[in-house]
C-alpha atoms as a PDB file:
ATOM      1  CA  MET A   1     -11.380 -16.247  32.286  1.00  0.00           C
ATOM      2  CA  SER A   2     -12.436 -14.075  29.378  1.00  0.00           C
ATOM      3  CA  LEU A   3     -10.024 -13.855  26.451  1.00  0.00           C
ATOM      4  CA  VAL A   4      -8.818 -10.497  25.156  1.00  0.00           C
ATOM      5  CA  VAL A   5      -6.797 -10.115  21.950  1.00  0.00           C
ATOM      6  CA  VAL A   6      -4.544  -7.044  21.977  1.00  0.00           C
ATOM      7  CA  LYS A   7      -3.003  -5.596  18.820  1.00  0.00           C
ATOM      8  CA  TYR A   8       0.161  -3.512  19.182  1.00  0.00           C
ATOM      9  CA  GLY A   9       1.929  -1.726  16.356  1.00  0.00           C
ATOM     10  CA  GLY A  10       5.613  -2.041  15.618  1.00  0.00           C
ATOM     11  CA  ALA A  11       6.409   1.108  17.577  1.00  0.00           C
ATOM     12  CA  VAL A  12       6.216  -0.774  20.879  1.00  0.00           C
ATOM     13  CA  SER A  13       6.300   1.694  23.752  1.00  0.00           C
ATOM     14  CA  ALA A  14       8.153   1.139  26.979  1.00  0.00           C
ATOM     15  CA  GLY A  15       4.834   0.818  28.784  1.00  0.00           C
ATOM     16  CA  ALA A  16       3.388  -1.800  26.420  1.00  0.00           C
ATOM     17  CA  ALA A  17       4.401  -4.740  28.578  1.00  0.00           C
ATOM     18  CA  ASP A  18       3.003  -3.083  31.699  1.00  0.00           C
ATOM     19  CA  GLY A  19      -0.355  -2.634  29.988  1.00  0.00           C
ATOM     20  CA  ILE A  20      -0.371  -6.245  28.774  1.00  0.00           C
ATOM     21  CA  LEU A  21       0.518  -7.629  32.210  1.00  0.00           C
ATOM     22  CA  GLU A  22      -2.136  -5.468  33.843  1.00  0.00           C
ATOM     23  CA  LEU A  23      -4.746  -6.895  31.467  1.00  0.00           C
ATOM     24  CA  ALA A  24      -3.387 -10.394  32.066  1.00  0.00           C
ATOM     25  CA  GLY A  25      -4.156  -9.979  35.763  1.00  0.00           C
ATOM     26  CA  GLU A  26      -7.869 -10.012  34.919  1.00  0.00           C
ATOM     27  CA  TYR A  27      -8.125 -11.792  31.558  1.00  0.00           C
ATOM     28  CA  ASP A  28      -6.495 -14.371  29.373  1.00  0.00           C
ATOM     29  CA  VAL A  29      -4.508 -12.364  26.818  1.00  0.00           C
ATOM     30  CA  CYS A  30      -3.222 -12.997  23.302  1.00  0.00           C
ATOM     31  CA  VAL A  31      -0.979 -10.338  21.773  1.00  0.00           C
ATOM     32  CA  VAL A  32      -0.557  -9.639  18.054  1.00  0.00           C
ATOM     33  CA  HIS A  33       2.098  -7.147  16.969  1.00  0.00           C
ATOM     34  CA  GLY A  34       3.315  -5.494  13.813  1.00  0.00           C
ATOM     35  CA  ALA A  35       6.663  -4.038  12.744  1.00  0.00           C
ATOM     36  CA  GLY A  36       5.592  -1.400  10.244  1.00  0.00           C
ATOM     37  CA  PRO A  37       8.069   1.385  11.110  1.00  0.00           C
ATOM     38  CA  GLN A  38      11.006  -1.010  11.278  1.00  0.00           C
ATOM     39  CA  ILE A  39      10.090  -2.653   7.963  1.00  0.00           C
ATOM     40  CA  THR A  40       9.747   0.678   6.170  1.00  0.00           C
ATOM     41  CA  VAL A  41      13.068   2.022   7.464  1.00  0.00           C
ATOM     42  CA  GLU A  42      14.939  -1.127   6.482  1.00  0.00           C
ATOM     43  CA  MET A  43      13.303  -1.343   3.053  1.00  0.00           C
ATOM     44  CA  GLU A  44      14.264   2.258   2.340  1.00  0.00           C
ATOM     45  CA  ARG A  45      17.807   1.548   3.528  1.00  0.00           C
ATOM     46  CA  ARG A  46      18.021  -1.326   1.045  1.00  0.00           C
ATOM     47  CA  GLY A  47      16.542   0.730  -1.761  1.00  0.00           C
ATOM     48  CA  LEU A  48      13.325  -1.289  -1.952  1.00  0.00           C
ATOM     49  CA  PRO A  49      10.085   0.456  -2.969  1.00  0.00           C
ATOM     50  CA  VAL A  50       7.573   1.061  -0.150  1.00  0.00           C
ATOM     51  CA  THR A  51       4.019   0.825  -1.452  1.00  0.00           C
ATOM     52  CA  PHE A  52       0.705   0.281   0.330  1.00  0.00           C
ATOM     53  CA  VAL A  53      -2.665  -0.630  -1.163  1.00  0.00           C
ATOM     54  CA  GLY A  54      -5.630  -0.436   1.201  1.00  0.00           C
ATOM     55  CA  GLY A  55      -3.378  -0.632   4.256  1.00  0.00           C
ATOM     56  CA  ARG A  56      -1.548  -3.687   2.947  1.00  0.00           C
ATOM     57  CA  ARG A  57       2.147  -3.543   2.106  1.00  0.00           C
ATOM     58  CA  VAL A  58       3.054  -4.691  -1.410  1.00  0.00           C
ATOM     59  CA  THR A  59       5.542  -7.460  -0.632  1.00  0.00           C
ATOM     60  CA  SER A  60       8.167  -8.736  -3.050  1.00  0.00           C
ATOM     61  CA  PRO A  61      10.457 -11.666  -2.117  1.00  0.00           C
ATOM     62  CA  ALA A  62      13.125  -9.131  -1.115  1.00  0.00           C
ATOM     63  CA  ALA A  63      10.623  -7.185   0.967  1.00  0.00           C
ATOM     64  CA  LEU A  64       9.433 -10.407   2.629  1.00  0.00           C
ATOM     65  CA  GLU A  65      12.962 -11.010   3.889  1.00  0.00           C
ATOM     66  CA  VAL A  66      12.845  -7.605   5.591  1.00  0.00           C
ATOM     67  CA  VAL A  67       9.368  -8.337   6.970  1.00  0.00           C
ATOM     68  CA  ARG A  68      10.528 -11.611   8.520  1.00  0.00           C
ATOM     69  CA  GLU A  69      13.632 -10.079  10.076  1.00  0.00           C
ATOM     70  CA  SER A  70      11.741  -7.101  11.486  1.00  0.00           C
ATOM     71  CA  LEU A  71       8.871  -9.152  12.905  1.00  0.00           C
ATOM     72  CA  THR A  72      11.332 -11.536  14.547  1.00  0.00           C
ATOM     73  CA  ALA A  73      13.144  -8.627  16.207  1.00  0.00           C
ATOM     74  CA  VAL A  74       9.957  -6.968  17.479  1.00  0.00           C
ATOM     75  CA  ASN A  75       8.591 -10.298  18.718  1.00  0.00           C
ATOM     76  CA  ALA A  76      11.751 -10.940  20.720  1.00  0.00           C
ATOM     77  CA  GLN A  77      11.690  -7.393  22.109  1.00  0.00           C
ATOM     78  CA  LEU A  78       8.070  -7.649  23.201  1.00  0.00           C
ATOM     79  CA  CYS A  79       8.486 -11.120  24.718  1.00  0.00           C
ATOM     80  CA  ALA A  80      11.509  -9.925  26.689  1.00  0.00           C
ATOM     81  CA  ALA A  81       9.549  -6.941  27.982  1.00  0.00           C
ATOM     82  CA  ILE A  82       6.580  -9.080  29.047  1.00  0.00           C
ATOM     83  CA  GLY A  83       8.794 -11.597  30.804  1.00  0.00           C
ATOM     84  CA  ARG A  84       8.508 -15.288  31.612  1.00  0.00           C
ATOM     85  CA  ARG A  85       4.782 -15.550  30.812  1.00  0.00           C
ATOM     86  CA  ALA A  86       5.370 -14.627  27.167  1.00  0.00           C
ATOM     87  CA  VAL A  87       5.375 -17.323  24.491  1.00  0.00           C
ATOM     88  CA  ALA A  88       6.850 -16.387  21.112  1.00  0.00           C
ATOM     89  CA  VAL A  89       4.575 -17.851  18.440  1.00  0.00           C
ATOM     90  CA  PRO A  90       6.602 -18.925  15.395  1.00  0.00           C
ATOM     91  CA  GLU A  91       5.729 -17.742  11.927  1.00  0.00           C
ATOM     92  CA  GLY A  92       3.439 -19.825   9.784  1.00  0.00           C
ATOM     93  CA  VAL A  93       0.711 -20.714  12.289  1.00  0.00           C
ATOM     94  CA  LEU A  94      -1.869 -18.367  10.744  1.00  0.00           C
ATOM     95  CA  ASP A  95      -3.998 -19.313   7.754  1.00  0.00           C
ATOM     96  CA  ALA A  96      -4.378 -16.854   4.871  1.00  0.00           C
ATOM     97  CA  THR A  97      -5.374 -16.730   1.230  1.00  0.00           C
ATOM     98  CA  PRO A  98      -3.080 -14.925  -1.268  1.00  0.00           C
ATOM     99  CA  VAL A  99      -4.154 -11.437  -2.325  1.00  0.00           C
ATOM    100  CA  PRO A 100      -3.747 -10.994  -6.103  1.00  0.00           C
ATOM    101  CA  GLY A 101      -1.585  -8.109  -7.248  1.00  0.00           C
ATOM    102  CA  LEU A 102       0.196  -7.444  -3.952  1.00  0.00           C
ATOM    103  CA  GLY A 103       2.943 -10.043  -4.130  1.00  0.00           C
ATOM    104  CA  LEU A 104       3.477 -12.264  -1.098  1.00  0.00           C
ATOM    105  CA  VAL A 105       0.506 -10.888   0.846  1.00  0.00           C
ATOM    106  CA  GLY A 106      -2.302 -12.822   2.491  1.00  0.00           C
ATOM    107  CA  ASP A 107      -5.844 -12.176   3.660  1.00  0.00           C
ATOM    108  CA  PRO A 108      -6.019 -13.902   7.082  1.00  0.00           C
ATOM    109  CA  LEU A 109      -8.701 -16.469   7.858  1.00  0.00           C
ATOM    110  CA  PRO A 110     -10.245 -16.996  11.291  1.00  0.00           C
ATOM    111  CA  SER A 111      -8.225 -19.677  13.051  1.00  0.00           C
ATOM    112  CA  ALA A 112      -7.328 -21.024  16.482  1.00  0.00           C
ATOM    113  CA  PRO A 113      -3.713 -22.279  16.283  1.00  0.00           C
ATOM    114  CA  SER A 114      -3.047 -24.997  18.842  1.00  0.00           C
ATOM    115  CA  ILE A 115       0.096 -23.265  20.121  1.00  0.00           C
ATOM    116  CA  VAL A 116      -1.981 -20.186  20.962  1.00  0.00           C
ATOM    117  CA  VAL A 117      -4.830 -22.161  22.547  1.00  0.00           C
ATOM    118  CA  ASP A 118      -2.425 -24.275  24.616  1.00  0.00           C
ATOM    119  CA  ALA A 119      -0.493 -21.219  25.834  1.00  0.00           C
ATOM    120  CA  VAL A 120      -3.673 -19.440  26.926  1.00  0.00           C
ATOM    121  CA  GLU A 121      -4.926 -22.535  28.759  1.00  0.00           C
ATOM    122  CA  LEU A 122      -1.638 -22.622  30.690  1.00  0.00           C
ATOM    123  CA  GLY A 123      -2.032 -18.994  31.755  1.00  0.00           C
ATOM    124  CA  LEU A 124       0.714 -17.820  29.398  1.00  0.00           C
ATOM    125  CA  ILE A 125       0.636 -14.902  26.941  1.00  0.00           C
ATOM    126  CA  PRO A 126       1.143 -15.887  23.289  1.00  0.00           C
ATOM    127  CA  VAL A 127       2.847 -13.159  21.248  1.00  0.00           C
ATOM    128  CA  VAL A 128       1.974 -13.554  17.581  1.00  0.00           C
ATOM    129  CA  ALA A 129       3.733 -12.088  14.539  1.00  0.00           C
ATOM    130  CA  PRO A 130       1.444 -11.643  11.494  1.00  0.00           C
ATOM    131  CA  LEU A 131       3.262 -13.901   9.048  1.00  0.00           C
ATOM    132  CA  ALA A 132       1.036 -16.654   7.676  1.00  0.00           C
ATOM    133  CA  ARG A 133       1.764 -19.960   6.014  1.00  0.00           C
ATOM    134  CA  GLY A 134       3.345 -19.550   2.605  1.00  0.00           C
ATOM    135  CA  PRO A 135       4.926 -17.461   3.960  1.00  0.00           C
ATOM    136  CA  LEU A 136       2.560 -14.568   3.346  1.00  0.00           C
ATOM    137  CA  ASN A 137       2.786 -11.100   4.851  1.00  0.00           C
ATOM    138  CA  VAL A 138      -0.443 -10.248   6.666  1.00  0.00           C
ATOM    139  CA  ASN A 139      -1.593  -6.862   7.936  1.00  0.00           C
ATOM    140  CA  GLY A 140      -1.292  -6.996  11.718  1.00  0.00           C
ATOM    141  CA  ASP A 141      -4.711  -5.486  12.390  1.00  0.00           C
ATOM    142  CA  GLU A 142      -6.356  -8.007  10.081  1.00  0.00           C
ATOM    143  CA  ALA A 143      -4.405 -10.860  11.666  1.00  0.00           C
ATOM    144  CA  ALA A 144      -5.537  -9.804  15.135  1.00  0.00           C
ATOM    145  CA  ALA A 145      -9.178  -9.662  14.036  1.00  0.00           C
ATOM    146  CA  ALA A 146      -9.006 -13.076  12.366  1.00  0.00           C
ATOM    147  CA  LEU A 147      -7.397 -14.611  15.465  1.00  0.00           C
ATOM    148  CA  ALA A 148      -9.969 -12.995  17.752  1.00  0.00           C
ATOM    149  CA  VAL A 149     -12.822 -14.448  15.722  1.00  0.00           C
ATOM    150  CA  GLY A 150     -11.183 -17.860  15.394  1.00  0.00           C
ATOM    151  CA  LEU A 151     -10.414 -18.055  19.111  1.00  0.00           C
ATOM    152  CA  GLY A 152     -13.876 -16.850  20.077  1.00  0.00           C
ATOM    153  CA  ALA A 153     -12.369 -13.961  22.050  1.00  0.00           C
ATOM    154  CA  ASP A 154     -14.553 -11.812  24.264  1.00  0.00           C
ATOM    155  CA  ARG A 155     -12.929  -8.569  23.107  1.00  0.00           C
ATOM    156  CA  ILE A 156     -10.252  -7.168  20.818  1.00  0.00           C
ATOM    157  CA  ILE A 157      -8.335  -3.994  21.615  1.00  0.00           C
ATOM    158  CA  PHE A 158      -6.374  -2.071  18.980  1.00  0.00           C
ATOM    159  CA  VAL A 159      -3.723  -0.078  20.859  1.00  0.00           C
ATOM    160  CA  THR A 160      -2.927   3.125  18.997  1.00  0.00           C
ATOM    161  CA  ASP A 161      -1.438   6.566  19.550  1.00  0.00           C
ATOM    162  CA  VAL A 162      -4.773   8.348  18.970  1.00  0.00           C
ATOM    163  CA  PRO A 163      -7.640   8.586  21.500  1.00  0.00           C
ATOM    164  CA  GLY A 164     -10.141   6.926  19.178  1.00  0.00           C
ATOM    165  CA  VAL A 165     -11.951   7.292  15.871  1.00  0.00           C
ATOM    166  CA  LEU A 166     -12.530  10.915  14.886  1.00  0.00           C
ATOM    167  CA  VAL A 167     -15.962  11.536  13.353  1.00  0.00           C
ATOM    168  CA  ALA A 168     -17.360  15.009  12.608  1.00  0.00           C
ATOM    169  CA  GLY A 169     -14.528  16.677  14.491  1.00  0.00           C
ATOM    170  CA  GLY A 170     -14.866  14.644  17.684  1.00  0.00           C
ATOM    171  CA  VAL A 171     -13.944  11.243  19.069  1.00  0.00           C
ATOM    172  CA  ALA A 172     -16.791   8.790  18.567  1.00  0.00           C
ATOM    173  CA  HIS A 173     -17.708   6.655  21.565  1.00  0.00           C
ATOM    174  CA  ALA A 174     -19.159   4.014  19.250  1.00  0.00           C
ATOM    175  CA  ILE A 175     -19.414   3.369  15.522  1.00  0.00           C
ATOM    176  CA  GLY A 176     -21.195   0.585  13.673  1.00  0.00           C
ATOM    177  CA  ALA A 177     -19.370  -1.712  11.266  1.00  0.00           C
ATOM    178  CA  ASP A 178     -21.511  -0.587   8.329  1.00  0.00           C
ATOM    179  CA  GLU A 179     -20.852   3.085   9.044  1.00  0.00           C
ATOM    180  CA  ALA A 180     -17.128   2.475   9.522  1.00  0.00           C
ATOM    181  CA  GLU A 181     -16.875   0.772   6.151  1.00  0.00           C
ATOM    182  CA  ARG A 182     -18.990   3.466   4.494  1.00  0.00           C
ATOM    183  CA  LEU A 183     -16.744   6.233   5.819  1.00  0.00           C
ATOM    184  CA  VAL A 184     -13.619   4.374   4.741  1.00  0.00           C
ATOM    185  CA  GLY A 185     -15.182   3.860   1.307  1.00  0.00           C
ATOM    186  CA  ILE A 186     -15.790   7.584   0.765  1.00  0.00           C
ATOM    187  CA  GLY A 187     -12.265   8.483   1.885  1.00  0.00           C
ATOM    188  CA  ALA A 188     -13.162  10.006   5.257  1.00  0.00           C
ATOM    189  CA  PHE A 189     -10.091   8.391   6.837  1.00  0.00           C
ATOM    190  CA  GLU A 190      -6.520   7.868   5.745  1.00  0.00           C
ATOM    191  CA  GLY A 191      -3.365   6.273   7.076  1.00  0.00           C
ATOM    192  CA  GLY A 192      -3.140   3.652   9.785  1.00  0.00           C
ATOM    193  CA  ILE A 193      -6.676   4.094  11.094  1.00  0.00           C
ATOM    194  CA  VAL A 194      -8.100   2.592   7.876  1.00  0.00           C
ATOM    195  CA  PRO A 195      -6.932  -1.029   8.350  1.00  0.00           C
ATOM    196  CA  LYS A 196      -7.761  -0.793  12.066  1.00  0.00           C
ATOM    197  CA  LEU A 197     -11.328   0.281  11.352  1.00  0.00           C
ATOM    198  CA  LEU A 198     -11.857  -2.377   8.713  1.00  0.00           C
ATOM    199  CA  ALA A 199     -10.339  -5.066  10.949  1.00  0.00           C
ATOM    200  CA  ALA A 200     -12.456  -3.913  13.888  1.00  0.00           C
ATOM    201  CA  ALA A 201     -15.563  -4.089  11.704  1.00  0.00           C
ATOM    202  CA  ARG A 202     -14.632  -7.616  10.634  1.00  0.00           C
ATOM    203  CA  ALA A 203     -14.129  -8.673  14.253  1.00  0.00           C
ATOM    204  CA  ALA A 204     -17.420  -7.120  15.328  1.00  0.00           C
ATOM    205  CA  ARG A 205     -19.277  -8.951  12.584  1.00  0.00           C
ATOM    206  CA  GLY A 206     -17.580 -12.149  13.743  1.00  0.00           C
ATOM    207  CA  GLY A 207     -19.027 -11.677  17.216  1.00  0.00           C
ATOM    208  CA  VAL A 208     -16.035 -10.020  18.912  1.00  0.00           C
ATOM    209  CA  PRO A 209     -16.585  -6.506  20.317  1.00  0.00           C
ATOM    210  CA  ALA A 210     -13.762  -4.227  19.193  1.00  0.00           C
ATOM    211  CA  GLU A 211     -12.169  -1.132  20.695  1.00  0.00           C
ATOM    212  CA  ILE A 212      -9.944   1.501  19.075  1.00  0.00           C
ATOM    213  CA  GLY A 213      -8.953   3.821  21.874  1.00  0.00           C
ATOM    214  CA  VAL A 214     -12.240   4.844  23.524  1.00  0.00           C
ATOM    215  CA  THR A 215     -14.255   4.030  20.385  1.00  0.00           C
ATOM    216  CA  ALA A 216     -16.264   0.813  20.376  1.00  0.00           C
ATOM    217  CA  VAL A 217     -16.897  -0.778  16.967  1.00  0.00           C
ATOM    218  CA  THR A 218     -20.121  -2.751  16.868  1.00  0.00           C
ATOM    219  CA  ALA A 219     -21.756  -5.103  14.394  1.00  0.00           C
END
């Protein structure tokens, strides 16, 4: 079957598992999730500064502890919702290079971890938290794109709470990687759509068609 990588944010909806299982009826599926809202709330509760640079969270050793705890909780929640086909992928299976100036943050490299490949071949659904070897905190959208390219996926879907990418006042049905990066570069977008667009562009250039809502991102 074709392989689809699905990226979910930390705000996992009650219907997330239903959508994943529906996809898994037609495709092999690998899920990557984040925990952004949970991490931010807990960091603020502990009095830790919350700072982002280019969609990446500046991560001190104290912040990394929060990241690990939050990702573990969301992973368990999502696996429980999916059911017996879910396989929790432990931290440290992703490869990444450190990003200077951001603390314990990594830029993910395309990879095909054996635990993910084996789970997919058995008809199971690997659920991956974006925490790379090091450990290094990795942006979930970037991790999903790197995995999709490394696994040779047929498609990557970024699940979000917006219908797609807004361009010139309307939702674009398709946007090229070059144009996406140009618009990000001139500040046409802000917030969570920025890392999604850049990750989608990276996936598209790596040969994996990407979707953000109804918007297709092409190479």
